[in-house]
Amino acid sequence: MRTARRRCAWATNPLSIAYHDREWGVPVRDDRKLFEFLILEGAQAGLSWDTILNKRERYREVFDDFDPEKVARYGAKKKAQLLADARIVRNRAKIEAAVGNARAFLAVRDEFGSFARYVWGFVGGKPLRNRRPRGAPIPAQSAISDALSRDLKRRGFKFVGSTIVYAFMQAVGMVDDHVVGCFRRRAAPRR
């Protein structure tokens, strides 16, 4: 008889369990994947992450697999198509932000050589590993997410408040908030 794996309490359904077990907290240094998470975390504002996970595949389809160069060129016709698509979050401000963020993303990439180099610089290039006991609250932001949020806003990004940025940092492994006792607590491979 197999024993159930212990995992973080928020992973409660098949989709969130798969995301927790395979992705959350795994260090990401691929610019395109970082762009995907930046857009998805912004789309999640005011909604549950489960909502976004359920819409993720459609986002990949309609946002050209999160190619920032393509998204940066979206015009009025493409934005109208996105607003009409019930299989993504139909919020004009979030869609406008995704396009503007693609442009800002490309500018950061050009300045730093990669977006990964830029964001990972905020944590010294290595994941921050927190040690939180099971049941302890996981913070919604940190001094680092505050600083990264301020800098992203200064560079023209939208939907990048400190809470969204902290969730982004968790998603891409810049911070490891797997609780003590979670089987994913140990270092995960890069993706």
C-alpha atoms as a PDB file:
ATOM      1  CA  MET A   1       0.000   0.000   0.000  1.00  0.00           C
ATOM      2  CA  ARG A   2       1.348   3.426  -1.042  1.00  0.00           C
ATOM      3  CA  THR A   3       1.397   6.271   1.409  1.00  0.00           C
ATOM      4  CA  ALA A   4      -0.004   9.586   0.269  1.00  0.00           C
ATOM      5  CA  ARG A   5       2.586  12.233  -0.454  1.00  0.00           C
ATOM      6  CA  ARG A   6       2.611  15.187   1.874  1.00  0.00           C
ATOM      7  CA  ARG A   7       2.353  18.457  -0.010  1.00  0.00           C
ATOM      8  CA  CYS A   8       1.520  22.099   0.576  1.00  0.00           C
ATOM      9  CA  ALA A   9      -2.082  22.531   1.759  1.00  0.00           C
ATOM     10  CA  TRP A  10      -3.174  24.689  -1.206  1.00  0.00           C
ATOM     11  CA  ALA A  11      -2.741  21.815  -3.688  1.00  0.00           C
ATOM     12  CA  THR A  12      -6.217  20.308  -3.372  1.00  0.00           C
ATOM     13  CA  ASN A  13      -7.465  19.247  -6.822  1.00  0.00           C
ATOM     14  CA  PRO A  14      -5.889  17.308  -9.703  1.00  0.00           C
ATOM     15  CA  LEU A  15      -4.835  20.437 -11.630  1.00  0.00           C
ATOM     16  CA  SER A  16      -3.312  22.251  -8.652  1.00  0.00           C
ATOM     17  CA  ILE A  17      -1.672  19.041  -7.425  1.00  0.00           C
ATOM     18  CA  ALA A  18      -0.020  18.497 -10.829  1.00  0.00           C
ATOM     19  CA  TYR A  19       1.109  22.145 -10.887  1.00  0.00           C
ATOM     20  CA  HIS A  20       2.456  21.896  -7.325  1.00  0.00           C
ATOM     21  CA  ASP A  21       4.227  18.608  -7.951  1.00  0.00           C
ATOM     22  CA  ARG A  22       5.820  19.513 -11.294  1.00  0.00           C
ATOM     23  CA  GLU A  23       6.204  23.280 -11.511  1.00  0.00           C
ATOM     24  CA  TRP A  24       5.667  25.489  -8.453  1.00  0.00           C
ATOM     25  CA  GLY A  25       9.009  26.527  -7.031  1.00  0.00           C
ATOM     26  CA  VAL A  26      11.124  24.996  -9.802  1.00  0.00           C
ATOM     27  CA  PRO A  27      13.767  27.560 -10.864  1.00  0.00           C
ATOM     28  CA  VAL A  28      12.948  28.954 -14.314  1.00  0.00           C
ATOM     29  CA  ARG A  29      15.637  30.714 -16.324  1.00  0.00           C
ATOM     30  CA  ASP A  30      13.998  30.469 -19.728  1.00  0.00           C
ATOM     31  CA  ASP A  31      12.815  33.928 -20.836  1.00  0.00           C
ATOM     32  CA  ARG A  32       9.738  32.695 -22.652  1.00  0.00           C
ATOM     33  CA  LYS A  33       8.586  30.685 -19.627  1.00  0.00           C
ATOM     34  CA  LEU A  34       9.236  33.686 -17.377  1.00  0.00           C
ATOM     35  CA  PHE A  35       7.096  35.809 -19.703  1.00  0.00           C
ATOM     36  CA  GLU A  36       4.320  33.212 -19.530  1.00  0.00           C
ATOM     37  CA  PHE A  37       4.269  33.306 -15.743  1.00  0.00           C
ATOM     38  CA  LEU A  38       4.416  37.098 -15.674  1.00  0.00           C
ATOM     39  CA  ILE A  39       1.332  37.312 -17.907  1.00  0.00           C
ATOM     40  CA  LEU A  40      -0.553  34.539 -16.104  1.00  0.00           C
ATOM     41  CA  GLU A  41       0.140  35.992 -12.654  1.00  0.00           C
ATOM     42  CA  GLY A  42      -1.151  39.359 -13.855  1.00  0.00           C
ATOM     43  CA  ALA A  43      -4.260  37.705 -15.295  1.00  0.00           C
ATOM     44  CA  GLN A  44      -4.841  36.022 -11.938  1.00  0.00           C
ATOM     45  CA  ALA A  45      -5.210  39.324 -10.044  1.00  0.00           C
ATOM     46  CA  GLY A  46      -8.503  39.150  -8.146  1.00  0.00           C
ATOM     47  CA  LEU A  47      -9.124  35.544  -9.196  1.00  0.00           C
ATOM     48  CA  SER A  48      -8.025  32.127  -7.976  1.00  0.00           C
ATOM     49  CA  TRP A  49      -4.940  30.449  -9.394  1.00  0.00           C
ATOM     50  CA  ASP A  50      -7.164  27.456 -10.185  1.00  0.00           C
ATOM     51  CA  THR A  51      -9.100  29.689 -12.590  1.00  0.00           C
ATOM     52  CA  ILE A  52      -5.884  30.508 -14.437  1.00  0.00           C
ATOM     53  CA  LEU A  53      -4.675  26.899 -14.447  1.00  0.00           C
ATOM     54  CA  ASN A  54      -7.991  25.913 -16.043  1.00  0.00           C
ATOM     55  CA  LYS A  55      -7.495  28.551 -18.765  1.00  0.00           C
ATOM     56  CA  ARG A  56      -3.744  28.125 -19.218  1.00  0.00           C
ATOM     57  CA  GLU A  57      -3.785  25.987 -22.360  1.00  0.00           C
ATOM     58  CA  ARG A  58      -6.112  28.432 -24.081  1.00  0.00           C
ATOM     59  CA  TYR A  59      -3.818  31.299 -23.040  1.00  0.00           C
ATOM     60  CA  ARG A  60      -0.939  29.484 -24.695  1.00  0.00           C
ATOM     61  CA  GLU A  61      -2.965  29.131 -27.895  1.00  0.00           C
ATOM     62  CA  VAL A  62      -4.247  32.699 -28.172  1.00  0.00           C
ATOM     63  CA  PHE A  63      -1.069  34.381 -26.891  1.00  0.00           C
ATOM     64  CA  ASP A  64       1.137  32.655 -29.494  1.00  0.00           C
ATOM     65  CA  ASP A  65       2.710  30.343 -26.918  1.00  0.00           C
ATOM     66  CA  PHE A  66       3.782  33.470 -24.997  1.00  0.00           C
ATOM     67  CA  ASP A  67       6.194  34.688 -27.635  1.00  0.00           C
ATOM     68  CA  PRO A  68       6.904  38.225 -26.346  1.00  0.00           C
ATOM     69  CA  GLU A  69       7.872  39.514 -29.800  1.00  0.00           C
ATOM     70  CA  LYS A  70       4.507  38.469 -31.236  1.00  0.00           C
ATOM     71  CA  VAL A  71       2.497  39.676 -28.224  1.00  0.00           C
ATOM     72  CA  ALA A  72       4.254  43.067 -28.365  1.00  0.00           C
ATOM     73  CA  ARG A  73       2.855  43.555 -31.896  1.00  0.00           C
ATOM     74  CA  TYR A  74      -0.787  42.850 -31.024  1.00  0.00           C
ATOM     75  CA  GLY A  75      -3.032  45.566 -32.375  1.00  0.00           C
ATOM     76  CA  ALA A  76      -6.686  46.511 -31.941  1.00  0.00           C
ATOM     77  CA  LYS A  77      -8.027  43.556 -33.972  1.00  0.00           C
ATOM     78  CA  LYS A  78      -6.112  40.937 -31.956  1.00  0.00           C
ATOM     79  CA  LYS A  79      -7.034  42.600 -28.655  1.00  0.00           C
ATOM     80  CA  ALA A  80     -10.713  42.559 -29.679  1.00  0.00           C
ATOM     81  CA  GLN A  81     -10.428  38.826 -30.454  1.00  0.00           C
ATOM     82  CA  LEU A  82      -8.907  38.228 -27.019  1.00  0.00           C
ATOM     83  CA  LEU A  83     -11.668  40.208 -25.314  1.00  0.00           C
ATOM     84  CA  ALA A  84     -14.265  38.055 -27.096  1.00  0.00           C
ATOM     85  CA  ASP A  85     -12.662  34.742 -26.046  1.00  0.00           C
ATOM     86  CA  ALA A  86     -14.585  33.302 -23.075  1.00  0.00           C
ATOM     87  CA  ARG A  87     -11.854  30.712 -22.504  1.00  0.00           C
ATOM     88  CA  ILE A  88      -9.441  33.338 -21.110  1.00  0.00           C
ATOM     89  CA  VAL A  89      -9.942  36.153 -18.609  1.00  0.00           C
ATOM     90  CA  ARG A  90     -11.760  38.813 -20.621  1.00  0.00           C
ATOM     91  CA  ASN A  91     -10.532  41.930 -18.919  1.00  0.00           C
ATOM     92  CA  ARG A  92      -9.501  44.849 -21.131  1.00  0.00           C
ATOM     93  CA  ALA A  93      -6.946  46.221 -18.649  1.00  0.00           C
ATOM     94  CA  LYS A  94      -5.269  42.820 -18.271  1.00  0.00           C
ATOM     95  CA  ILE A  95      -5.113  42.273 -22.036  1.00  0.00           C
ATOM     96  CA  GLU A  96      -3.703  45.774 -22.596  1.00  0.00           C
ATOM     97  CA  ALA A  97      -1.193  45.104 -19.801  1.00  0.00           C
ATOM     98  CA  ALA A  98      -0.092  41.831 -21.422  1.00  0.00           C
ATOM     99  CA  VAL A  99       0.719  43.651 -24.662  1.00  0.00           C
ATOM    100  CA  GLY A 100       2.449  46.538 -22.895  1.00  0.00           C
ATOM    101  CA  ASN A 101       4.321  44.110 -20.659  1.00  0.00           C
ATOM    102  CA  ALA A 102       5.594  42.271 -23.735  1.00  0.00           C
ATOM    103  CA  ARG A 103       7.120  45.518 -24.978  1.00  0.00           C
ATOM    104  CA  ALA A 104       8.624  46.289 -21.572  1.00  0.00           C
ATOM    105  CA  PHE A 105       9.861  42.690 -21.324  1.00  0.00           C
ATOM    106  CA  LEU A 106      11.715  43.037 -24.629  1.00  0.00           C
ATOM    107  CA  ALA A 107      13.302  46.309 -23.472  1.00  0.00           C
ATOM    108  CA  VAL A 108      14.529  44.645 -20.256  1.00  0.00           C
ATOM    109  CA  ARG A 109      15.831  41.678 -22.235  1.00  0.00           C
ATOM    110  CA  ASP A 110      17.720  44.023 -24.550  1.00  0.00           C
ATOM    111  CA  GLU A 111      19.200  45.949 -21.628  1.00  0.00           C
ATOM    112  CA  PHE A 112      20.261  42.933 -19.515  1.00  0.00           C
ATOM    113  CA  GLY A 113      20.846  40.296 -22.194  1.00  0.00           C
ATOM    114  CA  SER A 114      17.951  38.246 -20.806  1.00  0.00           C
ATOM    115  CA  PHE A 115      14.915  38.824 -18.635  1.00  0.00           C
ATOM    116  CA  ALA A 116      16.138  35.948 -16.464  1.00  0.00           C
ATOM    117  CA  ARG A 117      19.372  37.778 -15.661  1.00  0.00           C
ATOM    118  CA  TYR A 118      17.354  40.831 -14.649  1.00  0.00           C
ATOM    119  CA  VAL A 119      14.809  39.134 -12.334  1.00  0.00           C
ATOM    120  CA  TRP A 120      17.213  36.609 -10.827  1.00  0.00           C
ATOM    121  CA  GLY A 121      19.517  39.496  -9.934  1.00  0.00           C
ATOM    122  CA  PHE A 122      17.000  40.476  -7.262  1.00  0.00           C
ATOM    123  CA  VAL A 123      17.716  37.224  -5.375  1.00  0.00           C
ATOM    124  CA  GLY A 124      21.435  37.033  -6.074  1.00  0.00           C
ATOM    125  CA  GLY A 125      20.954  34.394  -8.767  1.00  0.00           C
ATOM    126  CA  LYS A 126      19.862  31.662  -6.324  1.00  0.00           C
ATOM    127  CA  PRO A 127      16.470  30.628  -4.968  1.00  0.00           C
ATOM    128  CA  LEU A 128      15.581  31.940  -1.526  1.00  0.00           C
ATOM    129  CA  ARG A 129      14.565  28.932   0.558  1.00  0.00           C
ATOM    130  CA  ASN A 130      12.116  29.721   3.314  1.00  0.00           C
ATOM    131  CA  ARG A 131      11.521  27.318   6.172  1.00  0.00           C
ATOM    132  CA  ARG A 132       7.850  27.456   7.033  1.00  0.00           C
ATOM    133  CA  PRO A 133       6.189  24.838   9.201  1.00  0.00           C
ATOM    134  CA  ARG A 134       2.972  23.222   7.980  1.00  0.00           C
ATOM    135  CA  GLY A 135       0.055  25.488   8.835  1.00  0.00           C
ATOM    136  CA  ALA A 136       2.196  28.624   9.054  1.00  0.00           C
ATOM    137  CA  PRO A 137       0.979  31.413   6.804  1.00  0.00           C
ATOM    138  CA  ILE A 138       2.858  31.933   3.567  1.00  0.00           C
ATOM    139  CA  PRO A 139       3.480  35.645   3.031  1.00  0.00           C
ATOM    140  CA  ALA A 140       1.842  37.488   0.170  1.00  0.00           C
ATOM    141  CA  GLN A 141       4.856  39.726  -0.412  1.00  0.00           C
ATOM    142  CA  SER A 142       8.377  40.494   0.784  1.00  0.00           C
ATOM    143  CA  ALA A 143      10.911  43.298   0.734  1.00  0.00           C
ATOM    144  CA  ILE A 144      12.352  41.762  -2.447  1.00  0.00           C
ATOM    145  CA  SER A 145       8.973  41.535  -4.189  1.00  0.00           C
ATOM    146  CA  ASP A 146       8.397  45.166  -3.143  1.00  0.00           C
ATOM    147  CA  ALA A 147      11.687  46.189  -4.787  1.00  0.00           C
ATOM    148  CA  LEU A 148      11.124  44.126  -7.933  1.00  0.00           C
ATOM    149  CA  SER A 149       7.558  45.441  -8.230  1.00  0.00           C
ATOM    150  CA  ARG A 150       8.754  49.052  -7.964  1.00  0.00           C
ATOM    151  CA  ASP A 151      11.408  48.494 -10.605  1.00  0.00           C
ATOM    152  CA  LEU A 152       9.039  46.708 -12.990  1.00  0.00           C
ATOM    153  CA  LYS A 153       6.531  49.570 -12.662  1.00  0.00           C
ATOM    154  CA  ARG A 154       9.316  52.087 -13.290  1.00  0.00           C
ATOM    155  CA  ARG A 155      10.055  50.201 -16.513  1.00  0.00           C
ATOM    156  CA  GLY A 156       6.430  50.423 -17.645  1.00  0.00           C
ATOM    157  CA  PHE A 157       5.027  47.047 -16.557  1.00  0.00           C
ATOM    158  CA  LYS A 158       1.411  46.800 -15.364  1.00  0.00           C
ATOM    159  CA  PHE A 159      -0.313  44.320 -13.039  1.00  0.00           C
ATOM    160  CA  VAL A 160       2.964  43.841 -11.184  1.00  0.00           C
ATOM    161  CA  GLY A 161       2.080  44.848  -7.643  1.00  0.00           C
ATOM    162  CA  SER A 162       4.144  43.296  -4.872  1.00  0.00           C
ATOM    163  CA  THR A 163       1.636  40.481  -4.230  1.00  0.00           C
ATOM    164  CA  ILE A 164       1.538  39.507  -7.918  1.00  0.00           C
ATOM    165  CA  VAL A 165       5.329  39.702  -8.098  1.00  0.00           C
ATOM    166  CA  TYR A 166       5.719  37.507  -4.997  1.00  0.00           C
ATOM    167  CA  ALA A 167       3.413  34.891  -6.566  1.00  0.00           C
ATOM    168  CA  PHE A 168       5.524  35.133  -9.742  1.00  0.00           C
ATOM    169  CA  MET A 169       8.682  34.628  -7.677  1.00  0.00           C
ATOM    170  CA  GLN A 170       7.172  31.518  -6.068  1.00  0.00           C
ATOM    171  CA  ALA A 171       5.991  30.145  -9.408  1.00  0.00           C
ATOM    172  CA  VAL A 172       9.392  30.503 -11.089  1.00  0.00           C
ATOM    173  CA  GLY A 173      11.404  29.251  -8.129  1.00  0.00           C
ATOM    174  CA  MET A 174      13.034  32.521  -7.125  1.00  0.00           C
ATOM    175  CA  VAL A 175      11.603  31.790  -3.695  1.00  0.00           C
ATOM    176  CA  ASP A 176      10.864  28.315  -2.336  1.00  0.00           C
ATOM    177  CA  ASP A 177       7.851  28.400  -0.035  1.00  0.00           C
ATOM    178  CA  HIS A 178       7.152  24.669   0.056  1.00  0.00           C
ATOM    179  CA  VAL A 179       6.351  23.967   3.702  1.00  0.00           C
ATOM    180  CA  VAL A 180       8.451  21.734   5.911  1.00  0.00           C
ATOM    181  CA  GLY A 181       7.237  18.188   5.352  1.00  0.00           C
ATOM    182  CA  CYS A 182       6.196  18.766   1.732  1.00  0.00           C
ATOM    183  CA  PHE A 183       7.862  16.213  -0.527  1.00  0.00           C
ATOM    184  CA  ARG A 184       8.793  19.068  -2.937  1.00  0.00           C
ATOM    185  CA  ARG A 185      10.700  20.980  -0.280  1.00  0.00           C
ATOM    186  CA  ARG A 186      14.067  19.887  -1.576  1.00  0.00           C
ATOM    187  CA  ALA A 187      15.745  21.662  -4.480  1.00  0.00           C
ATOM    188  CA  ALA A 188      14.026  21.014  -7.781  1.00  0.00           C
ATOM    189  CA  PRO A 189      15.716  20.820 -11.192  1.00  0.00           C
ATOM    190  CA  ARG A 190      15.796  23.803 -13.521  1.00  0.00           C
ATOM    191  CA  ARG A 191      13.294  24.106 -16.330  1.00  0.00           C
END
